[in-house]
């Protein structure tokens, strides 16, 4: 019976998101600050990856069951390279839960993957407005700015992301000789 009730809620959301109202997302800022401190203090890459995984667990907690199902659907579609289907799911999620940062972050990622960098940047800016400590959105924004040729802004954004989580793979982009590496040391 529970499966039927869940399916009914999801179908209602998919058919007419305006008919249902998304609850306000939980305030996870304190939880993220603790995880950022843990990432900064992590003794090695393995420990840093564990903390990064915990951050993702926080970001991927949708405000309700219906939103979670749409988020999960979009991510499953992305995993099989159904970017159009993923984009449709994330569009529904953003329409249903306009205060949930991860909906914007996931839609930005699809736009990034399809090289629609301008749209990705708009969504990343919104994700960060909603959740300033979203390290994945910070690094995604840096990568997007890099692809837009806005190198100084990309470097500045990635420095912030890496300060929040030194174990990001994208940190390599800040190394000497890398695309966002130190300026003036290439002579």
Protein backbone atom coordinates (compact mmCIF):
# COMPACT_ATOMS: atom_id res chain seq x y z
CA UNK A 1 0.00 0.00 0.00
CA UNK A 2 2.86 2.37 0.83
CA UNK A 3 4.35 1.83 -2.64
CA UNK A 4 1.01 2.74 -4.20
CA UNK A 5 0.75 5.91 -2.10
CA UNK A 6 4.32 6.89 -2.99
CA UNK A 7 3.66 6.26 -6.67
CA UNK A 8 0.52 8.40 -6.49
CA UNK A 9 2.47 11.30 -4.95
CA UNK A 10 5.19 11.02 -7.56
CA UNK A 11 2.73 10.83 -10.44
CA UNK A 12 0.97 13.91 -9.09
CA UNK A 13 4.29 15.76 -8.97
CA UNK A 14 5.30 14.63 -12.45
CA UNK A 15 1.94 15.49 -13.96
CA UNK A 16 1.38 18.85 -12.29
CA UNK A 17 4.10 20.13 -9.96
CA UNK A 18 2.09 23.28 -9.29
CA UNK A 19 -0.63 21.16 -7.63
CA UNK A 20 1.73 20.11 -4.84
CA UNK A 21 3.91 22.33 -2.73
CA UNK A 22 7.49 21.48 -1.88
CA UNK A 23 8.38 21.92 1.78
CA UNK A 24 11.24 24.24 2.59
CA UNK A 25 14.57 22.43 2.42
CA UNK A 26 16.23 21.75 5.75
CA UNK A 27 18.84 24.28 6.81
CA UNK A 28 22.03 22.26 6.45
CA UNK A 29 24.47 25.16 6.79
CA UNK A 30 25.72 24.11 10.24
CA UNK A 31 26.16 20.51 9.09
CA UNK A 32 28.12 21.67 6.04
CA UNK A 33 30.35 23.95 8.13
CA UNK A 34 31.28 20.94 10.29
CA UNK A 35 32.03 18.86 7.17
CA UNK A 36 34.10 21.67 5.65
CA UNK A 37 36.15 21.81 8.85
CA UNK A 38 36.56 18.01 8.68
CA UNK A 39 37.71 18.22 5.06
CA UNK A 40 40.19 20.95 5.91
CA UNK A 41 41.57 18.83 8.77
CA UNK A 42 41.60 15.52 6.89
CA UNK A 43 45.07 13.96 7.10
CA UNK A 44 45.08 12.37 3.66
CA UNK A 45 43.16 11.92 0.41
CA UNK A 46 41.30 8.82 1.64
CA UNK A 47 39.93 10.68 4.65
CA UNK A 48 39.18 13.68 2.44
CA UNK A 49 37.15 11.51 0.04
CA UNK A 50 35.14 10.14 2.96
CA UNK A 51 34.23 13.68 4.03
CA UNK A 52 33.42 14.61 0.42
CA UNK A 53 31.01 11.68 0.31
CA UNK A 54 29.33 12.93 3.48
CA UNK A 55 28.89 16.34 1.86
CA UNK A 56 27.16 14.69 -1.10
CA UNK A 57 24.84 12.85 1.28
CA UNK A 58 23.77 16.21 2.70
CA UNK A 59 23.26 17.89 -0.68
CA UNK A 60 21.32 14.95 -2.10
CA UNK A 61 18.69 14.92 0.68
CA UNK A 62 15.66 16.33 -1.08
CA UNK A 63 12.95 18.18 0.86
CA UNK A 64 10.35 15.42 0.47
CA UNK A 65 9.79 11.99 -1.02
CA UNK A 66 8.40 13.27 -4.30
CA UNK A 67 11.35 15.62 -4.83
CA UNK A 68 13.75 12.80 -3.91
CA UNK A 69 12.23 10.55 -6.54
CA UNK A 70 12.51 13.22 -9.24
CA UNK A 71 16.13 13.93 -8.20
CA UNK A 72 16.97 10.23 -8.27
CA UNK A 73 15.26 9.83 -11.66
CA UNK A 74 17.28 12.68 -13.12
CA UNK A 75 20.50 11.22 -11.78
CA UNK A 76 19.67 7.75 -13.14
CA UNK A 77 18.96 9.28 -16.54
CA UNK A 78 22.26 11.15 -16.44
CA UNK A 79 24.12 7.94 -15.57
CA UNK A 80 22.90 6.36 -18.84
CA UNK A 81 23.68 9.54 -20.82
CA UNK A 82 20.00 10.43 -21.27
CA UNK A 83 20.78 14.10 -20.84
CA UNK A 84 17.46 15.26 -22.26
CA UNK A 85 15.56 13.05 -19.82
CA UNK A 86 17.78 14.20 -16.96
CA UNK A 87 17.26 17.84 -17.89
CA UNK A 88 13.49 17.32 -17.96
CA UNK A 89 13.61 15.75 -14.49
CA UNK A 90 15.75 18.55 -13.06
CA UNK A 91 13.49 21.16 -14.69
CA UNK A 92 10.55 19.55 -12.82
CA UNK A 93 12.56 19.46 -9.61
CA UNK A 94 13.50 23.15 -9.84
CA UNK A 95 9.89 24.08 -10.64
CA UNK A 96 8.60 22.05 -7.70
CA UNK A 97 11.34 22.97 -5.19
CA UNK A 98 12.73 26.37 -6.18
CA UNK A 99 14.51 26.72 -2.82
CA UNK A 100 16.40 23.40 -3.08
CA UNK A 101 19.96 24.16 -4.20
CA UNK A 102 20.74 20.67 -5.46
CA UNK A 103 18.03 20.86 -8.11
CA UNK A 104 19.85 23.82 -9.64
CA UNK A 105 23.26 22.18 -9.17
CA UNK A 106 22.18 19.00 -10.94
CA UNK A 107 20.55 20.91 -13.79
CA UNK A 108 23.73 22.98 -14.10
CA UNK A 109 25.75 19.79 -14.39
CA UNK A 110 23.61 18.57 -17.29
CA UNK A 111 23.98 21.94 -18.99
CA UNK A 112 27.73 21.76 -18.39
CA UNK A 113 27.93 18.26 -19.88
CA UNK A 114 26.03 19.44 -22.96
CA UNK A 115 28.27 22.52 -23.20
CA UNK A 116 25.48 24.98 -22.44
CA UNK A 117 27.80 26.90 -20.12
CA UNK A 118 25.72 30.08 -19.93
CA UNK A 119 22.70 28.14 -18.62
CA UNK A 120 24.95 26.17 -16.27
CA UNK A 121 26.35 29.38 -14.81
CA UNK A 122 22.87 30.78 -14.13
CA UNK A 123 21.91 27.62 -12.24
CA UNK A 124 25.19 27.46 -10.32
CA UNK A 125 24.76 31.07 -9.24
CA UNK A 126 21.29 30.19 -7.95
CA UNK A 127 22.52 27.05 -6.19
CA UNK A 128 25.19 29.12 -4.43
CA UNK A 129 22.72 31.85 -3.55
CA UNK A 130 20.58 29.19 -1.87
CA UNK A 131 23.48 27.30 -0.30
CA UNK A 132 26.74 29.30 -0.26
CA UNK A 133 28.76 26.40 1.19
CA UNK A 134 27.88 24.01 -1.64
CA UNK A 135 31.46 23.05 -2.50
CA UNK A 136 30.43 21.02 -5.56
CA UNK A 137 28.57 24.02 -6.98
CA UNK A 138 31.61 26.18 -6.20
CA UNK A 139 33.93 23.87 -8.14
CA UNK A 140 31.33 23.41 -10.90
CA UNK A 141 31.09 27.17 -11.22
CA UNK A 142 34.88 27.40 -11.54
CA UNK A 143 34.89 24.77 -14.31
CA UNK A 144 32.05 26.55 -16.08
CA UNK A 145 33.84 29.90 -15.91
CA UNK A 146 36.98 28.22 -17.24
CA UNK A 147 35.03 26.91 -20.23
CA UNK A 148 33.61 30.39 -20.79
CA UNK A 149 37.16 31.76 -20.92
CA UNK A 150 36.70 33.77 -17.72
CA UNK A 151 39.99 32.57 -16.26
CA UNK A 152 40.50 35.06 -13.42
CA UNK A 153 36.97 34.46 -12.10
CA UNK A 154 37.40 30.71 -12.49
CA UNK A 155 40.65 30.79 -10.51
CA UNK A 156 39.07 32.90 -7.76
CA UNK A 157 36.08 30.55 -7.50
CA UNK A 158 38.20 27.40 -7.47
CA UNK A 159 40.43 28.81 -4.74
CA UNK A 160 37.31 29.21 -2.58
CA UNK A 161 36.16 25.65 -3.34
CA UNK A 162 39.58 24.19 -2.56
CA UNK A 163 39.82 26.20 0.66
CA UNK A 164 36.53 24.56 1.66
CA UNK A 165 37.62 21.09 0.54
CA UNK A 166 41.33 20.68 -0.23
CA UNK A 167 40.68 17.15 -1.53
CA UNK A 168 38.75 18.14 -4.64
CA UNK A 169 40.17 16.60 -7.81
CA UNK A 170 39.76 20.03 -9.43
CA UNK A 171 42.49 21.37 -7.12
CA UNK A 172 44.99 20.12 -9.71
CA UNK A 173 43.82 22.93 -11.99
CA UNK A 174 45.47 25.41 -9.59
CA UNK A 175 48.95 23.85 -9.85
CA UNK A 176 51.84 25.62 -11.54
CA UNK A 177 51.42 25.25 -15.31
CA UNK A 178 47.76 24.15 -15.02
CA UNK A 179 44.93 26.15 -16.64
CA UNK A 180 44.13 28.00 -13.40
CA UNK A 181 47.65 27.94 -11.99
CA UNK A 182 49.54 30.92 -10.61
CA UNK A 183 49.76 33.88 -12.96
CA UNK A 184 53.19 35.16 -13.98
CA UNK A 185 55.11 32.02 -13.06
CA UNK A 186 55.04 30.60 -16.58
CA UNK A 187 58.05 32.64 -17.78
